[in-house]
Amino acid sequence: MEDNKWTTLKDELTQKYIELHGESNNITNNMLTDEIANILVGKRVVKQQLQRMDELDGTNDFNNLLNDLEACNEQ
């Protein structure tokens, strides 16, 4: 049961990171400074959490996602 909760949390955080990553790629000059800061800080915090979760569960799930997102940005 604990494993399921861990997986659920990791999945939810991964989806949040993907959402924030997309928002950070669409920052415009028309956005309020607070809104930009919330996106960038939120992205950094979720990234740190997911990197730690990868360390704890011995996977590279999040690192693989980062590589995939980077590859998409290069296209």
PDB file of N, CA and C in Angstrom:
ATOM      1  N   MET A   1       0.825  -1.200   0.000  1.00  0.00           N
ATOM      2  CA  MET A   1       0.000   0.000   0.000  1.00  0.00           C
ATOM      3  C   MET A   1       0.866   1.259   0.000  1.00  0.00           C
ATOM      4  N   GLU A   2       1.948   1.275   0.786  1.00  0.00           N
ATOM      5  CA  GLU A   2       2.836   2.431   0.822  1.00  0.00           C
ATOM      6  C   GLU A   2       3.452   2.679  -0.548  1.00  0.00           C
ATOM      7  N   ASP A   3       3.798   1.599  -1.250  1.00  0.00           N
ATOM      8  CA  ASP A   3       4.379   1.712  -2.584  1.00  0.00           C
ATOM      9  C   ASP A   3       3.427   2.435  -3.530  1.00  0.00           C
ATOM     10  N   ASN A   4       2.145   2.110  -3.405  1.00  0.00           N
ATOM     11  CA  ASN A   4       1.126   2.726  -4.245  1.00  0.00           C
ATOM     12  C   ASN A   4       1.021   4.226  -3.966  1.00  0.00           C
ATOM     13  N   LYS A   5       1.100   4.613  -2.697  1.00  0.00           N
ATOM     14  CA  LYS A   5       1.031   6.027  -2.332  1.00  0.00           C
ATOM     15  C   LYS A   5       2.248   6.772  -2.868  1.00  0.00           C
ATOM     16  N   TRP A   6       3.407   6.130  -2.777  1.00  0.00           N
ATOM     17  CA  TRP A   6       4.642   6.724  -3.299  1.00  0.00           C
ATOM     18  C   TRP A   6       4.512   6.962  -4.803  1.00  0.00           C
ATOM     19  N   THR A   7       4.047   5.949  -5.501  1.00  0.00           N
ATOM     20  CA  THR A   7       3.893   6.047  -6.952  1.00  0.00           C
ATOM     21  C   THR A   7       2.886   7.128  -7.319  1.00  0.00           C
ATOM     22  N   THR A   8       1.788   7.186  -6.584  1.00  0.00           N
ATOM     23  CA  THR A   8       0.773   8.207  -6.832  1.00  0.00           C
ATOM     24  C   THR A   8       1.355   9.601  -6.640  1.00  0.00           C
ATOM     25  N   LEU A   9       2.085   9.795  -5.544  1.00  0.00           N
ATOM     26  CA  LEU A   9       2.696  11.094  -5.280  1.00  0.00           C
ATOM     27  C   LEU A   9       3.705  11.456  -6.367  1.00  0.00           C
ATOM     28  N   LYS A  10       4.523  10.503  -6.752  1.00  0.00           N
ATOM     29  CA  LYS A  10       5.528  10.767  -7.782  1.00  0.00           C
ATOM     30  C   LYS A  10       4.853  11.104  -9.113  1.00  0.00           C
ATOM     31  N   ASP A  11       3.799  10.397  -9.437  1.00  0.00           N
ATOM     32  CA  ASP A  11       3.052  10.682 -10.673  1.00  0.00           C
ATOM     33  C   ASP A  11       2.434  12.082 -10.640  1.00  0.00           C
ATOM     34  N   GLU A  12       1.847  12.447  -9.495  1.00  0.00           N
ATOM     35  CA  GLU A  12       1.233  13.769  -9.369  1.00  0.00           C
ATOM     36  C   GLU A  12       2.279  14.875  -9.493  1.00  0.00           C
ATOM     37  N   LEU A  13       3.428  14.687  -8.844  1.00  0.00           N
ATOM     38  CA  LEU A  13       4.493  15.685  -8.927  1.00  0.00           C
ATOM     39  C   LEU A  13       5.066  15.766 -10.340  1.00  0.00           C
ATOM     40  N   THR A  14       5.159  14.630 -11.004  1.00  0.00           N
ATOM     41  CA  THR A  14       5.654  14.618 -12.385  1.00  0.00           C
ATOM     42  C   THR A  14       4.714  15.403 -13.286  1.00  0.00           C
ATOM     43  N   GLN A  15       3.413  15.206 -13.129  1.00  0.00           N
ATOM     44  CA  GLN A  15       2.442  15.953 -13.928  1.00  0.00           C
ATOM     45  C   GLN A  15       2.527  17.450 -13.631  1.00  0.00           C
ATOM     46  N   LYS A  16       2.724  17.790 -12.368  1.00  0.00           N
ATOM     47  CA  LYS A  16       2.864  19.194 -11.987  1.00  0.00           C
ATOM     48  C   LYS A  16       4.115  19.785 -12.621  1.00  0.00           C
ATOM     49  N   TYR A  17       5.217  19.028 -12.637  1.00  0.00           N
ATOM     50  CA  TYR A  17       6.451  19.524 -13.247  1.00  0.00           C
ATOM     51  C   TYR A  17       6.249  19.767 -14.743  1.00  0.00           C
ATOM     52  N   ILE A  18       5.597  18.835 -15.416  1.00  0.00           N
ATOM     53  CA  ILE A  18       5.345  18.988 -16.853  1.00  0.00           C
ATOM     54  C   ILE A  18       4.510  20.247 -17.103  1.00  0.00           C
ATOM     55  N   GLU A  19       3.499  20.463 -16.267  1.00  0.00           N
ATOM     56  CA  GLU A  19       2.654  21.656 -16.386  1.00  0.00           C
ATOM     57  C   GLU A  19       3.486  22.930 -16.192  1.00  0.00           C
ATOM     58  N   LEU A  20       4.303  22.956 -15.141  1.00  0.00           N
ATOM     59  CA  LEU A  20       5.127  24.133 -14.860  1.00  0.00           C
ATOM     60  C   LEU A  20       6.193  24.339 -15.932  1.00  0.00           C
ATOM     61  N   HIS A  21       6.716  23.255 -16.470  1.00  0.00           N
ATOM     62  CA  HIS A  21       7.703  23.345 -17.551  1.00  0.00           C
ATOM     63  C   HIS A  21       7.072  24.037 -18.764  1.00  0.00           C
ATOM     64  N   GLY A  22       5.860  23.632 -19.097  1.00  0.00           N
ATOM     65  CA  GLY A  22       5.154  24.258 -20.211  1.00  0.00           C
ATOM     66  C   GLY A  22       4.883  25.732 -19.950  1.00  0.00           C
ATOM     67  N   GLU A  23       4.461  26.042 -18.726  1.00  0.00           N
ATOM     68  CA  GLU A  23       4.196  27.438 -18.377  1.00  0.00           C
ATOM     69  C   GLU A  23       5.474  28.266 -18.436  1.00  0.00           C
ATOM     70  N   SER A  24       6.592  27.688 -17.994  1.00  0.00           N
ATOM     71  CA  SER A  24       7.853  28.442 -17.996  1.00  0.00           C
ATOM     72  C   SER A  24       8.335  28.708 -19.417  1.00  0.00           C
ATOM     73  N   ASN A  25       7.968  27.846 -20.341  1.00  0.00           N
ATOM     74  CA  ASN A  25       8.334  28.061 -21.743  1.00  0.00           C
ATOM     75  C   ASN A  25       7.454  29.109 -22.418  1.00  0.00           C
ATOM     76  N   ASN A  26       6.365  29.477 -21.761  1.00  0.00           N
ATOM     77  CA  ASN A  26       5.424  30.441 -22.340  1.00  0.00           C
ATOM     78  C   ASN A  26       5.348  31.745 -21.553  1.00  0.00           C
ATOM     79  N   ILE A  27       6.389  32.053 -20.788  1.00  0.00           N
ATOM     80  CA  ILE A  27       6.421  33.309 -20.038  1.00  0.00           C
ATOM     81  C   ILE A  27       6.540  34.469 -21.024  1.00  0.00           C
ATOM     82  N   THR A  28       5.723  35.487 -20.785  1.00  0.00           N
ATOM     83  CA  THR A  28       5.738  36.667 -21.659  1.00  0.00           C
ATOM     84  C   THR A  28       5.995  37.926 -20.834  1.00  0.00           C
ATOM     85  N   ASN A  29       6.290  39.001 -21.527  1.00  0.00           N
ATOM     86  CA  ASN A  29       6.512  40.294 -20.866  1.00  0.00           C
ATOM     87  C   ASN A  29       5.237  40.854 -20.262  1.00  0.00           C
ATOM     88  N   ASN A  30       4.101  40.345 -20.677  1.00  0.00           N
ATOM     89  CA  ASN A  30       2.816  40.835 -20.174  1.00  0.00           C
ATOM     90  C   ASN A  30       2.444  40.239 -18.821  1.00  0.00           C
ATOM     91  N   MET A  31       3.182  39.231 -18.385  1.00  0.00           N
ATOM     92  CA  MET A  31       2.855  38.554 -17.131  1.00  0.00           C
ATOM     93  C   MET A  31       3.387  39.358 -15.946  1.00  0.00           C
ATOM     94  N   LEU A  32       2.672  39.278 -14.840  1.00  0.00           N
ATOM     95  CA  LEU A  32       3.109  39.933 -13.616  1.00  0.00           C
ATOM     96  C   LEU A  32       4.351  39.234 -13.074  1.00  0.00           C
ATOM     97  N   THR A  33       5.207  40.007 -12.429  1.00  0.00           N
ATOM     98  CA  THR A  33       6.441  39.463 -11.862  1.00  0.00           C
ATOM     99  C   THR A  33       6.143  38.342 -10.879  1.00  0.00           C
ATOM    100  N   ASP A  34       5.119  38.516 -10.049  1.00  0.00           N
ATOM    101  CA  ASP A  34       4.756  37.481  -9.074  1.00  0.00           C
ATOM    102  C   ASP A  34       4.358  36.183  -9.759  1.00  0.00           C
ATOM    103  N   GLU A  35       3.641  36.302 -10.842  1.00  0.00           N
ATOM    104  CA  GLU A  35       3.203  35.115 -11.585  1.00  0.00           C
ATOM    105  C   GLU A  35       4.409  34.377 -12.166  1.00  0.00           C
ATOM    106  N   ILE A  36       5.346  35.120 -12.723  1.00  0.00           N
ATOM    107  CA  ILE A  36       6.561  34.517 -13.281  1.00  0.00           C
ATOM    108  C   ILE A  36       7.360  33.837 -12.177  1.00  0.00           C
ATOM    109  N   ALA A  37       7.508  34.532 -11.046  1.00  0.00           N
ATOM    110  CA  ALA A  37       8.260  33.974  -9.918  1.00  0.00           C
ATOM    111  C   ALA A  37       7.617  32.691  -9.413  1.00  0.00           C
ATOM    112  N   ASN A  38       6.294  32.672  -9.307  1.00  0.00           N
ATOM    113  CA  ASN A  38       5.595  31.468  -8.839  1.00  0.00           C
ATOM    114  C   ASN A  38       5.851  30.285  -9.762  1.00  0.00           C
ATOM    115  N   ILE A  39       5.850  30.524 -11.052  1.00  0.00           N
ATOM    116  CA  ILE A  39       6.099  29.451 -12.019  1.00  0.00           C
ATOM    117  C   ILE A  39       7.518  28.922 -11.862  1.00  0.00           C
ATOM    118  N   LEU A  40       8.491  29.828 -11.846  1.00  0.00           N
ATOM    119  CA  LEU A  40       9.895  29.411 -11.815  1.00  0.00           C
ATOM    120  C   LEU A  40      10.290  28.769 -10.489  1.00  0.00           C
ATOM    121  N   VAL A  41       9.820  29.340  -9.385  1.00  0.00           N
ATOM    122  CA  VAL A  41      10.131  28.760  -8.074  1.00  0.00           C
ATOM    123  C   VAL A  41       9.416  27.423  -7.912  1.00  0.00           C
ATOM    124  N   GLY A  42       8.163  27.366  -8.322  1.00  0.00           N
ATOM    125  CA  GLY A  42       7.421  26.106  -8.247  1.00  0.00           C
ATOM    126  C   GLY A  42       8.099  25.013  -9.039  1.00  0.00           C
ATOM    127  N   LYS A  43       8.559  25.349 -10.228  1.00  0.00           N
ATOM    128  CA  LYS A  43       9.253  24.372 -11.073  1.00  0.00           C
ATOM    129  C   LYS A  43      10.518  23.878 -10.385  1.00  0.00           C
ATOM    130  N   ARG A  44      11.276  24.792  -9.787  1.00  0.00           N
ATOM    131  CA  ARG A  44      12.519  24.407  -9.120  1.00  0.00           C
ATOM    132  C   ARG A  44      12.249  23.502  -7.916  1.00  0.00           C
ATOM    133  N   VAL A  45      11.238  23.839  -7.122  1.00  0.00           N
ATOM    134  CA  VAL A  45      10.908  23.049  -5.933  1.00  0.00           C
ATOM    135  C   VAL A  45      10.458  21.643  -6.323  1.00  0.00           C
ATOM    136  N   VAL A  46       9.567  21.547  -7.296  1.00  0.00           N
ATOM    137  CA  VAL A  46       9.079  20.230  -7.733  1.00  0.00           C
ATOM    138  C   VAL A  46      10.228  19.419  -8.327  1.00  0.00           C
ATOM    139  N   LYS A  47      11.114  20.070  -9.068  1.00  0.00           N
ATOM    140  CA  LYS A  47      12.279  19.383  -9.639  1.00  0.00           C
ATOM    141  C   LYS A  47      13.144  18.790  -8.534  1.00  0.00           C
ATOM    142  N   GLN A  48      13.408  19.567  -7.492  1.00  0.00           N
ATOM    143  CA  GLN A  48      14.217  19.077  -6.376  1.00  0.00           C
ATOM    144  C   GLN A  48      13.544  17.891  -5.689  1.00  0.00           C
ATOM    145  N   GLN A  49      12.234  17.971  -5.504  1.00  0.00           N
ATOM    146  CA  GLN A  49      11.503  16.880  -4.862  1.00  0.00           C
ATOM    147  C   GLN A  49      11.584  15.606  -5.697  1.00  0.00           C
ATOM    148  N   LEU A  50      11.397  15.733  -6.997  1.00  0.00           N
ATOM    149  CA  LEU A  50      11.420  14.556  -7.866  1.00  0.00           C
ATOM    150  C   LEU A  50      12.825  13.974  -7.996  1.00  0.00           C
ATOM    151  N   GLN A  51      13.837  14.812  -8.002  1.00  0.00           N
ATOM    152  CA  GLN A  51      15.205  14.297  -8.034  1.00  0.00           C
ATOM    153  C   GLN A  51      15.497  13.508  -6.764  1.00  0.00           C
ATOM    154  N   ARG A  52      15.035  14.008  -5.627  1.00  0.00           N
ATOM    155  CA  ARG A  52      15.227  13.287  -4.362  1.00  0.00           C
ATOM    156  C   ARG A  52      14.442  11.980  -4.366  1.00  0.00           C
ATOM    157  N   MET A  53      13.249  11.991  -4.899  1.00  0.00           N
ATOM    158  CA  MET A  53      12.463  10.762  -4.965  1.00  0.00           C
ATOM    159  C   MET A  53      13.162   9.723  -5.836  1.00  0.00           C
ATOM    160  N   ASP A  54      13.757  10.157  -6.949  1.00  0.00           N
ATOM    161  CA  ASP A  54      14.537   9.239  -7.787  1.00  0.00           C
ATOM    162  C   ASP A  54      15.690   8.634  -6.992  1.00  0.00           C
ATOM    163  N   GLU A  55      16.374   9.455  -6.199  1.00  0.00           N
ATOM    164  CA  GLU A  55      17.474   8.953  -5.367  1.00  0.00           C
ATOM    165  C   GLU A  55      16.972   7.904  -4.384  1.00  0.00           C
ATOM    166  N   LEU A  56      15.855   8.194  -3.738  1.00  0.00           N
ATOM    167  CA  LEU A  56      15.334   7.306  -2.704  1.00  0.00           C
ATOM    168  C   LEU A  56      14.797   5.996  -3.259  1.00  0.00           C
ATOM    169  N   ASP A  57      14.160   6.046  -4.429  1.00  0.00           N
ATOM    170  CA  ASP A  57      13.606   4.797  -4.959  1.00  0.00           C
ATOM    171  C   ASP A  57      14.533   4.120  -5.965  1.00  0.00           C
ATOM    172  N   GLY A  58      15.696   4.730  -6.191  1.00  0.00           N
ATOM    173  CA  GLY A  58      16.704   4.089  -7.037  1.00  0.00           C
ATOM    174  C   GLY A  58      16.350   4.039  -8.512  1.00  0.00           C
ATOM    175  N   THR A  59      15.487   4.944  -8.942  1.00  0.00           N
ATOM    176  CA  THR A  59      15.113   4.971 -10.358  1.00  0.00           C
ATOM    177  C   THR A  59      15.695   6.213 -11.016  1.00  0.00           C
ATOM    178  N   ASN A  60      15.547   6.281 -12.309  1.00  0.00           N
ATOM    179  CA  ASN A  60      15.923   7.467 -13.076  1.00  0.00           C
ATOM    180  C   ASN A  60      14.713   8.029 -13.804  1.00  0.00           C
ATOM    181  N   ASP A  61      13.533   7.774 -13.271  1.00  0.00           N
ATOM    182  CA  ASP A  61      12.300   8.187 -13.941  1.00  0.00           C
ATOM    183  C   ASP A  61      12.300   9.679 -14.258  1.00  0.00           C
ATOM    184  N   PHE A  62      12.597  10.493 -13.265  1.00  0.00           N
ATOM    185  CA  PHE A  62      12.535  11.933 -13.478  1.00  0.00           C
ATOM    186  C   PHE A  62      13.677  12.410 -14.370  1.00  0.00           C
ATOM    187  N   ASN A  63      14.852  11.861 -14.168  1.00  0.00           N
ATOM    188  CA  ASN A  63      15.984  12.225 -15.026  1.00  0.00           C
ATOM    189  C   ASN A  63      15.677  11.893 -16.489  1.00  0.00           C
ATOM    190  N   ASN A  64      15.033  10.765 -16.718  1.00  0.00           N
ATOM    191  CA  ASN A  64      14.636  10.393 -18.081  1.00  0.00           C
ATOM    192  C   ASN A  64      13.637  11.403 -18.651  1.00  0.00           C
ATOM    193  N   LEU A  65      12.708  11.838 -17.808  1.00  0.00           N
ATOM    194  CA  LEU A  65      11.743  12.851 -18.243  1.00  0.00           C
ATOM    195  C   LEU A  65      12.459  14.148 -18.616  1.00  0.00           C
ATOM    196  N   LEU A  66      13.416  14.562 -17.794  1.00  0.00           N
ATOM    197  CA  LEU A  66      14.169  15.782 -18.099  1.00  0.00           C
ATOM    198  C   LEU A  66      14.873  15.665 -19.444  1.00  0.00           C
ATOM    199  N   ASN A  67      15.460  14.506 -19.705  1.00  0.00           N
ATOM    200  CA  ASN A  67      16.121  14.281 -20.995  1.00  0.00           C
ATOM    201  C   ASN A  67      15.127  14.361 -22.149  1.00  0.00           C
ATOM    202  N   ASP A  68      13.948  13.779 -21.952  1.00  0.00           N
ATOM    203  CA  ASP A  68      12.912  13.820 -22.993  1.00  0.00           C
ATOM    204  C   ASP A  68      12.440  15.251 -23.250  1.00  0.00           C
ATOM    205  N   LEU A  69      12.236  16.013 -22.179  1.00  0.00           N
ATOM    206  CA  LEU A  69      11.790  17.398 -22.330  1.00  0.00           C
ATOM    207  C   LEU A  69      12.855  18.241 -23.021  1.00  0.00           C
ATOM    208  N   GLU A  70      14.108  17.994 -22.687  1.00  0.00           N
ATOM    209  CA  GLU A  70      15.208  18.720 -23.327  1.00  0.00           C
ATOM    210  C   GLU A  70      15.266  18.395 -24.818  1.00  0.00           C
ATOM    211  N   ALA A  71      15.076  17.120 -25.148  1.00  0.00           N
ATOM    212  CA  ALA A  71      15.089  16.710 -26.556  1.00  0.00           C
ATOM    213  C   ALA A  71      13.940  17.370 -27.322  1.00  0.00           C
ATOM    214  N   CYS A  72      12.778  17.481 -26.688  1.00  0.00           N
ATOM    215  CA  CYS A  72      11.632  18.134 -27.334  1.00  0.00           C
ATOM    216  C   CYS A  72      11.895  19.615 -27.564  1.00  0.00           C
ATOM    217  N   ASN A  73      12.573  20.254 -26.622  1.00  0.00           N
ATOM    218  CA  ASN A  73      12.869  21.683 -26.752  1.00  0.00           C
ATOM    219  C   ASN A  73      13.853  21.952 -27.880  1.00  0.00           C
ATOM    220  N   GLU A  74      14.693  20.977 -28.193  1.00  0.00           N
ATOM    221  CA  GLU A  74      15.696  21.150 -29.240  1.00  0.00           C
ATOM    222  C   GLU A  74      15.111  20.993 -30.635  1.00  0.00           C
ATOM    223  N   GLN A  75      13.934  20.406 -30.733  1.00  0.00           N
ATOM    224  CA  GLN A  75      13.331  20.165 -32.052  1.00  0.00           C
ATOM    225  C   GLN A  75      12.646  21.383 -32.591  1.00  0.00           C
TER     226      GLN A  75
END
